PDB file of N, CA and C in Angstrom:
ATOM      1  N   MET A   1      10.089 -96.531 -23.522  1.00  0.00           N
ATOM      2  CA  MET A   1      11.419 -96.814 -22.584  1.00  0.00           C
ATOM      3  C   MET A   1      10.769 -95.961 -21.190  1.00  0.00           C
ATOM      4  N   ILE A   2      10.523 -94.684 -20.940  1.00  0.00           N
ATOM      5  CA  ILE A   2       9.816 -93.624 -20.273  1.00  0.00           C
ATOM      6  C   ILE A   2       8.560 -93.799 -20.282  1.00  0.00           C
ATOM      7  N   THR A   3       7.921 -94.383 -20.953  1.00  0.00           N
ATOM      8  CA  THR A   3       6.285 -94.150 -20.841  1.00  0.00           C
ATOM      9  C   THR A   3       5.867 -96.050 -20.247  1.00  0.00           C
ATOM     10  N   ASP A   4       7.080 -96.741 -20.441  1.00  0.00           N
ATOM     11  CA  ASP A   4       6.803 -98.108 -20.048  1.00  0.00           C
ATOM     12  C   ASP A   4       7.098 -98.186 -18.389  1.00  0.00           C
ATOM     13  N   VAL A   5       8.215 -97.506 -17.802  1.00  0.00           N
ATOM     14  CA  VAL A   5       8.296 -96.817 -16.178  1.00  0.00           C
ATOM     15  C   VAL A   5       7.084 -96.362 -15.630  1.00  0.00           C
ATOM     16  N   LEU A   6       6.505 -94.716 -16.877  1.00  0.00           N
ATOM     17  CA  LEU A   6       5.483 -94.134 -15.959  1.00  0.00           C
ATOM     18  C   LEU A   6       4.472 -94.913 -16.164  1.00  0.00           C
ATOM     19  N   ASN A   7       4.351 -96.378 -16.868  1.00  0.00           N
ATOM     20  CA  ASN A   7       2.601 -96.784 -16.708  1.00  0.00           C
ATOM     21  C   ASN A   7       3.303 -97.420 -15.549  1.00  0.00           C
ATOM     22  N   SER A   8       4.063 -98.300 -15.039  1.00  0.00           N
ATOM     23  CA  SER A   8       3.657 -99.106 -14.871  1.00  0.00           C
ATOM     24  C   SER A   8       3.642 -98.042 -12.724  1.00  0.00           C
ATOM     25  N   ILE A   9       4.612 -97.221 -12.981  1.00  0.00           N
ATOM     26  CA  ILE A   9       4.166 -96.643 -11.539  1.00  0.00           C
ATOM     27  C   ILE A   9       2.673 -96.474 -11.765  1.00  0.00           C
ATOM     28  N   THR A  10       2.733 -95.869 -12.356  1.00  0.00           N
ATOM     29  CA  THR A  10       0.896 -95.123 -12.735  1.00  0.00           C
ATOM     30  C   THR A  10      -0.216 -96.971 -12.314  1.00  0.00           C
ATOM     31  N   GLN A  11       0.188 -97.564 -12.542  1.00  0.00           N
ATOM     32  CA  GLN A  11      -0.608 -99.017 -12.811  1.00  0.00           C
ATOM     33  C   GLN A  11      -0.307 -99.248 -10.889  1.00  0.00           C
ATOM     34  N   PHE A  12       1.182 -99.396 -10.298  1.00  0.00           N
ATOM     35  CA  PHE A  12       0.902 -99.847  -8.970  1.00  0.00           C
ATOM     36  C   PHE A  12       0.270 -98.444  -8.222  1.00  0.00           C
ATOM     37  N   VAL A  13       0.347 -97.282  -8.256  1.00  0.00           N
ATOM     38  CA  VAL A  13      -0.247 -96.839  -7.359  1.00  0.00           C
ATOM     39  C   VAL A  13      -1.979 -96.780  -7.670  1.00  0.00           C
ATOM     40  N   THR A  14      -2.209 -96.807  -8.944  1.00  0.00           N
ATOM     41  CA  THR A  14      -3.608 -97.022  -8.986  1.00  0.00           C
ATOM     42  C   THR A  14      -4.386 -98.444  -8.401  1.00  0.00           C
ATOM     43  N   SER A  15      -3.726 -99.337  -7.927  1.00  0.00           N
ATOM     44  CA  SER A  15      -3.621-100.663  -7.800  1.00  0.00           C
ATOM     45  C   SER A  15      -3.912-100.591  -6.414  1.00  0.00           C
ATOM     46  N   ALA A  16      -2.746 -99.710  -5.474  1.00  0.00           N
ATOM     47  CA  ALA A  16      -2.592 -99.772  -4.338  1.00  0.00           C
ATOM     48  C   ALA A  16      -4.143 -99.321  -3.469  1.00  0.00           C
ATOM     49  N   SER A  17      -3.888 -99.632  -2.369  1.00  0.00           N
ATOM     50  CA  SER A  17      -4.580 -99.088  -1.633  1.00  0.00           C
ATOM     51  C   SER A  17      -4.969 -97.847  -1.411  1.00  0.00           C
ATOM     52  N   LEU A  18      -5.491 -97.506  -0.444  1.00  0.00           N
ATOM     53  CA  LEU A  18      -6.336 -95.560  -0.402  1.00  0.00           C
ATOM     54  C   LEU A  18      -5.298 -95.405   0.667  1.00  0.00           C
ATOM     55  N   TRP A  19      -4.494 -96.079   1.640  1.00  0.00           N
ATOM     56  CA  TRP A  19      -4.083 -95.670   2.384  1.00  0.00           C
ATOM     57  C   TRP A  19      -2.234 -95.345   2.169  1.00  0.00           C
ATOM     58  N   LEU A  20      -2.271 -96.494   0.754  1.00  0.00           N
ATOM     59  CA  LEU A  20      -0.688 -96.166   0.751  1.00  0.00           C
ATOM     60  C   LEU A  20      -0.571 -95.350  -0.788  1.00  0.00           C
ATOM     61  N   GLN A  21      -2.274 -95.003  -1.158  1.00  0.00           N
ATOM     62  CA  GLN A  21      -2.401 -93.981  -2.144  1.00  0.00           C
ATOM     63  C   GLN A  21      -1.601 -92.416  -2.321  1.00  0.00           C
ATOM     64  N   VAL A  22      -2.230 -92.011  -1.074  1.00  0.00           N
ATOM     65  CA  VAL A  22      -2.261 -90.438  -0.205  1.00  0.00           C
ATOM     66  C   VAL A  22      -1.204 -90.422   0.247  1.00  0.00           C
ATOM     67  N   PRO A  23      -0.219 -91.090   0.791  1.00  0.00           N
ATOM     68  CA  PRO A  23       0.696 -90.847   1.190  1.00  0.00           C
ATOM     69  C   PRO A  23       2.142 -90.556  -0.440  1.00  0.00           C
ATOM     70  N   LEU A  24       1.943 -91.655  -1.064  1.00  0.00           N
ATOM     71  CA  LEU A  24       2.547 -91.528  -2.290  1.00  0.00           C
ATOM     72  C   LEU A  24       2.520 -90.087  -2.818  1.00  0.00           C
ATOM     73  N   VAL A  25       0.752 -89.993  -3.148  1.00  0.00           N
ATOM     74  CA  VAL A  25       0.780 -88.530  -3.510  1.00  0.00           C
ATOM     75  C   VAL A  25       1.040 -87.236  -2.926  1.00  0.00           C
ATOM     76  N   MET A  26       0.961 -87.326  -1.812  1.00  0.00           N
ATOM     77  CA  MET A  26       1.842 -86.405  -0.773  1.00  0.00           C
ATOM     78  C   MET A  26       2.610 -85.635  -0.982  1.00  0.00           C
ATOM     79  N   LEU A  27       3.850 -87.281  -0.835  1.00  0.00           N
ATOM     80  CA  LEU A  27       5.543 -87.056  -0.928  1.00  0.00           C
ATOM     81  C   LEU A  27       5.720 -86.685  -2.481  1.00  0.00           C
ATOM     82  N   VAL A  28       4.675 -86.762  -3.486  1.00  0.00           N
ATOM     83  CA  VAL A  28       4.936 -85.611  -4.591  1.00  0.00           C
ATOM     84  C   VAL A  28       4.281 -84.990  -4.913  1.00  0.00           C
ATOM     85  N   ALA A  29       3.444 -84.602  -4.993  1.00  0.00           N
ATOM     86  CA  ALA A  29       2.834 -83.325  -4.847  1.00  0.00           C
ATOM     87  C   ALA A  29       3.401 -82.346  -3.874  1.00  0.00           C
ATOM     88  N   LEU A  30       2.755 -82.241  -2.649  1.00  0.00           N
ATOM     89  CA  LEU A  30       3.607 -81.122  -2.203  1.00  0.00           C
ATOM     90  C   LEU A  30       5.011 -80.826  -1.798  1.00  0.00           C
ATOM     91  N   PRO A  31       6.060 -81.492  -2.455  1.00  0.00           N
ATOM     92  CA  PRO A  31       7.495 -80.506  -2.531  1.00  0.00           C
ATOM     93  C   PRO A  31       6.993 -80.246  -4.211  1.00  0.00           C
ATOM     94  N   LEU A  32       6.251 -80.453  -5.531  1.00  0.00           N
ATOM     95  CA  LEU A  32       6.570 -79.627  -5.898  1.00  0.00           C
ATOM     96  C   LEU A  32       5.927 -78.854  -6.577  1.00  0.00           C
ATOM     97  N   ALA A  33       4.762 -79.129  -5.804  1.00  0.00           N
ATOM     98  CA  ALA A  33       3.877 -77.696  -4.977  1.00  0.00           C
ATOM     99  C   ALA A  33       4.797 -76.522  -4.396  1.00  0.00           C
ATOM    100  N   ALA A  34       4.976 -76.892  -3.502  1.00  0.00           N
ATOM    101  CA  ALA A  34       6.559 -76.170  -2.659  1.00  0.00           C
ATOM    102  C   ALA A  34       7.316 -75.566  -4.126  1.00  0.00           C
ATOM    103  N   VAL A  35       7.930 -75.887  -4.684  1.00  0.00           N
ATOM    104  CA  VAL A  35       8.849 -75.574  -5.665  1.00  0.00           C
ATOM    105  C   VAL A  35       8.601 -74.558  -6.785  1.00  0.00           C
ATOM    106  N   PHE A  36       6.925 -75.228  -7.279  1.00  0.00           N
ATOM    107  CA  PHE A  36       6.038 -73.802  -8.402  1.00  0.00           C
ATOM    108  C   PHE A  36       5.766 -72.946  -7.337  1.00  0.00           C
ATOM    109  N   ALA A  37       5.262 -72.432  -5.980  1.00  0.00           N
ATOM    110  CA  ALA A  37       5.412 -71.936  -5.407  1.00  0.00           C
ATOM    111  C   ALA A  37       6.516 -70.816  -5.330  1.00  0.00           C
ATOM    112  N   GLY A  38       7.309 -71.643  -4.771  1.00  0.00           N
ATOM    113  CA  GLY A  38       8.826 -70.334  -4.844  1.00  0.00           C
ATOM    114  C   GLY A  38       9.011 -69.823  -6.008  1.00  0.00           C
ATOM    115  N   LEU A  39       9.272 -70.803  -7.492  1.00  0.00           N
ATOM    116  CA  LEU A  39       9.521 -70.187  -8.662  1.00  0.00           C
ATOM    117  C   LEU A  39       8.439 -68.722  -9.312  1.00  0.00           C
ATOM    118  N   LEU A  40       7.425 -69.130  -8.447  1.00  0.00           N
ATOM    119  CA  LEU A  40       6.097 -67.949  -8.553  1.00  0.00           C
ATOM    120  C   LEU A  40       6.629 -66.695  -7.333  1.00  0.00           C
ATOM    121  N   LEU A  41       6.886 -67.198  -6.666  1.00  0.00           N
ATOM    122  CA  LEU A  41       7.503 -65.886  -5.430  1.00  0.00           C
ATOM    123  C   LEU A  41       8.584 -64.942  -6.284  1.00  0.00           C
ATOM    124  N   ARG A  42       9.102 -66.026  -6.394  1.00  0.00           N
ATOM    125  CA  ARG A  42      10.290 -65.045  -7.633  1.00  0.00           C
ATOM    126  C   ARG A  42      10.178 -64.009  -8.412  1.00  0.00           C
ATOM    127  N   ALA A  43       9.596 -65.181  -9.079  1.00  0.00           N
ATOM    128  CA  ALA A  43       8.719 -64.176 -11.111  1.00  0.00           C
ATOM    129  C   ALA A  43       7.877 -62.777 -10.098  1.00  0.00           C
ATOM    130  N   VAL A  44       7.342 -63.016  -9.456  1.00  0.00           N
ATOM    131  CA  VAL A  44       6.227 -61.657  -8.940  1.00  0.00           C
ATOM    132  C   VAL A  44       7.330 -60.632  -8.420  1.00  0.00           C
ATOM    133  N   ASP A  45       8.058 -61.185  -7.075  1.00  0.00           N
ATOM    134  CA  ASP A  45       9.007 -60.050  -6.613  1.00  0.00           C
ATOM    135  C   ASP A  45      10.037 -59.695  -7.932  1.00  0.00           C
ATOM    136  N   GLY A  46      10.327 -60.087  -8.813  1.00  0.00           N
ATOM    137  CA  GLY A  46      11.134 -60.256  -9.807  1.00  0.00           C
ATOM    138  C   GLY A  46      10.120 -58.816 -10.750  1.00  0.00           C
ATOM    139  N   THR A  47       9.597 -59.064 -10.610  1.00  0.00           N
ATOM    140  CA  THR A  47       8.572 -58.470 -11.565  1.00  0.00           C
ATOM    141  C   THR A  47       7.843 -57.210 -10.814  1.00  0.00           C
ATOM    142  N   ALA A  48       7.998 -56.650  -9.807  1.00  0.00           N
ATOM    143  CA  ALA A  48       7.328 -55.904  -8.565  1.00  0.00           C
ATOM    144  C   ALA A  48       8.938 -55.036  -8.657  1.00  0.00           C
ATOM    145  N   HIS A  49       9.764 -55.753  -8.593  1.00  0.00           N
ATOM    146  CA  HIS A  49      11.407 -55.206  -8.334  1.00  0.00           C
ATOM    147  C   HIS A  49      11.531 -54.298  -9.459  1.00  0.00           C
ATOM    148  N   ALA A  50      11.228 -54.262 -10.263  1.00  0.00           N
ATOM    149  CA  ALA A  50      11.883 -53.899 -11.838  1.00  0.00           C
ATOM    150  C   ALA A  50      10.677 -52.788 -11.890  1.00  0.00           C
ATOM    151  N   TRP A  51       9.459 -53.008 -12.117  1.00  0.00           N
ATOM    152  CA  TRP A  51       8.731 -52.364 -11.987  1.00  0.00           C
ATOM    153  C   TRP A  51       8.480 -51.300 -10.877  1.00  0.00           C
ATOM    154  N   THR A  52       8.890 -51.301  -9.996  1.00  0.00           N
ATOM    155  CA  THR A  52       9.742 -50.335  -9.088  1.00  0.00           C
ATOM    156  C   THR A  52      10.255 -49.475  -9.024  1.00  0.00           C
ATOM    157  N   ARG A  53      11.569 -49.864  -9.888  1.00  0.00           N
ATOM    158  CA  ARG A  53      13.336 -49.240 -10.499  1.00  0.00           C
ATOM    159  C   ARG A  53      12.418 -48.619 -11.768  1.00  0.00           C
ATOM    160  N   PHE A  54      11.791 -48.820 -12.532  1.00  0.00           N
ATOM    161  CA  PHE A  54      11.517 -48.358 -13.647  1.00  0.00           C
ATOM    162  C   PHE A  54      10.433 -46.838 -13.103  1.00  0.00           C
ATOM    163  N   TRP A  55       9.254 -47.092 -12.127  1.00  0.00           N
ATOM    164  CA  TRP A  55       8.806 -45.864 -12.094  1.00  0.00           C
ATOM    165  C   TRP A  55      10.109 -45.090 -10.925  1.00  0.00           C
ATOM    166  N   ALA A  56      10.362 -45.270 -10.301  1.00  0.00           N
ATOM    167  CA  ALA A  56      11.440 -45.093  -9.816  1.00  0.00           C
ATOM    168  C   ALA A  56      12.840 -43.549 -10.618  1.00  0.00           C
ATOM    169  N   GLN A  57      13.121 -44.217 -11.354  1.00  0.00           N
ATOM    170  CA  GLN A  57      13.417 -44.111 -12.459  1.00  0.00           C
ATOM    171  C   GLN A  57      13.354 -42.877 -13.528  1.00  0.00           C
ATOM    172  N   THR A  58      11.327 -42.761 -13.767  1.00  0.00           N
ATOM    173  CA  THR A  58      10.810 -41.541 -14.223  1.00  0.00           C
ATOM    174  C   THR A  58      10.800 -40.668 -13.827  1.00  0.00           C
ATOM    175  N   GLY A  59      10.543 -40.796 -11.781  1.00  0.00           N
ATOM    176  CA  GLY A  59       9.981 -39.863 -11.271  1.00  0.00           C
ATOM    177  C   GLY A  59       8.923 -39.626 -11.258  1.00  0.00           C
ATOM    178  N   ALA A  60       8.168 -40.469 -11.568  1.00  0.00           N
ATOM    179  CA  ALA A  60       6.752 -40.724 -10.802  1.00  0.00           C
ATOM    180  C   ALA A  60       6.284 -41.385  -9.583  1.00  0.00           C
ATOM    181  N   SER A  61       5.372 -40.792  -8.949  1.00  0.00           N
ATOM    182  CA  SER A  61       6.157 -40.914  -7.442  1.00  0.00           C
ATOM    183  C   SER A  61       4.322 -41.912  -6.860  1.00  0.00           C
ATOM    184  N   GLY A  62       3.189 -41.389  -7.965  1.00  0.00           N
ATOM    185  CA  GLY A  62       2.516 -42.240  -7.629  1.00  0.00           C
ATOM    186  C   GLY A  62       1.687 -41.637  -6.633  1.00  0.00           C
ATOM    187  N   SER A  63       2.239 -40.620  -5.836  1.00  0.00           N
ATOM    188  CA  SER A  63       1.475 -39.726  -4.468  1.00  0.00           C
ATOM    189  C   SER A  63       0.315 -39.000  -5.110  1.00  0.00           C
ATOM    190  N   ALA A  64      -1.390 -39.074  -4.815  1.00  0.00           N
ATOM    191  CA  ALA A  64      -2.445 -38.255  -5.204  1.00  0.00           C
ATOM    192  C   ALA A  64      -1.188 -36.561  -4.675  1.00  0.00           C
ATOM    193  N   GLU A  65      -1.405 -36.430  -3.762  1.00  0.00           N
ATOM    194  CA  GLU A  65      -0.823 -35.005  -3.083  1.00  0.00           C
ATOM    195  C   GLU A  65       0.169 -34.714  -4.451  1.00  0.00           C
ATOM    196  N   ASP A  66       0.792 -34.785  -4.944  1.00  0.00           N
ATOM    197  CA  ASP A  66       1.613 -34.228  -5.928  1.00  0.00           C
ATOM    198  C   ASP A  66       1.027 -34.035  -7.582  1.00  0.00           C
ATOM    199  N   SER A  67      -0.097 -34.509  -7.556  1.00  0.00           N
ATOM    200  CA  SER A  67      -0.488 -34.942  -8.502  1.00  0.00           C
ATOM    201  C   SER A  67      -1.587 -33.204  -9.094  1.00  0.00           C
ATOM    202  N   ASP A  68      -1.927 -32.458 -10.170  1.00  0.00           N
ATOM    203  CA  ASP A  68      -2.711 -31.197 -10.065  1.00  0.00           C
ATOM    204  C   ASP A  68      -4.033 -31.974 -11.092  1.00  0.00           C
ATOM    205  N   SER A  69      -4.023 -33.040 -10.792  1.00  0.00           N
ATOM    206  CA  SER A  69      -5.923 -33.578 -11.244  1.00  0.00           C
ATOM    207  C   SER A  69      -6.541 -32.728 -10.811  1.00  0.00           C
ATOM    208  N   PRO A  70      -7.661 -32.948 -11.341  1.00  0.00           N
ATOM    209  CA  PRO A  70      -8.783 -32.724 -11.035  1.00  0.00           C
ATOM    210  C   PRO A  70      -9.923 -33.514  -9.989  1.00  0.00           C
ATOM    211  N   GLY A  71      -9.999 -32.994  -8.837  1.00  0.00           N
ATOM    212  CA  GLY A  71     -10.927 -33.597  -7.892  1.00  0.00           C
ATOM    213  C   GLY A  71      -9.412 -34.251  -7.063  1.00  0.00           C
ATOM    214  N   THR A  72      -8.123 -33.389  -6.978  1.00  0.00           N
ATOM    215  CA  THR A  72      -7.752 -33.358  -5.873  1.00  0.00           C
ATOM    216  C   THR A  72      -6.896 -32.489  -4.724  1.00  0.00           C
ATOM    217  N   GLY A  73      -8.503 -31.281  -4.831  1.00  0.00           N
ATOM    218  CA  GLY A  73      -8.823 -30.251  -4.429  1.00  0.00           C
ATOM    219  C   GLY A  73      -7.864 -29.596  -4.459  1.00  0.00           C
ATOM    220  N   LYS A  74      -7.129 -28.924  -5.127  1.00  0.00           N
ATOM    221  CA  LYS A  74      -5.754 -28.210  -5.345  1.00  0.00           C
ATOM    222  C   LYS A  74      -6.399 -27.091  -6.732  1.00  0.00           C
TER     223      LYS A  74
END
């Protein structure tokens, strides 16, 4: 049932002229890409937030000035 519907849509788009195909694909592809980009952005922001909170709780500043490692000039 769903396969038949998708096949008919695919056949319609494939047999349509290029002037109809491009706007139809853009009407579908752009919103899907925008949704995917928003989800990806939220995932990256959430990971960065969690990472920042983790390092803030451990007390690590990440600054080279606070470190006594070789090569820092201390």
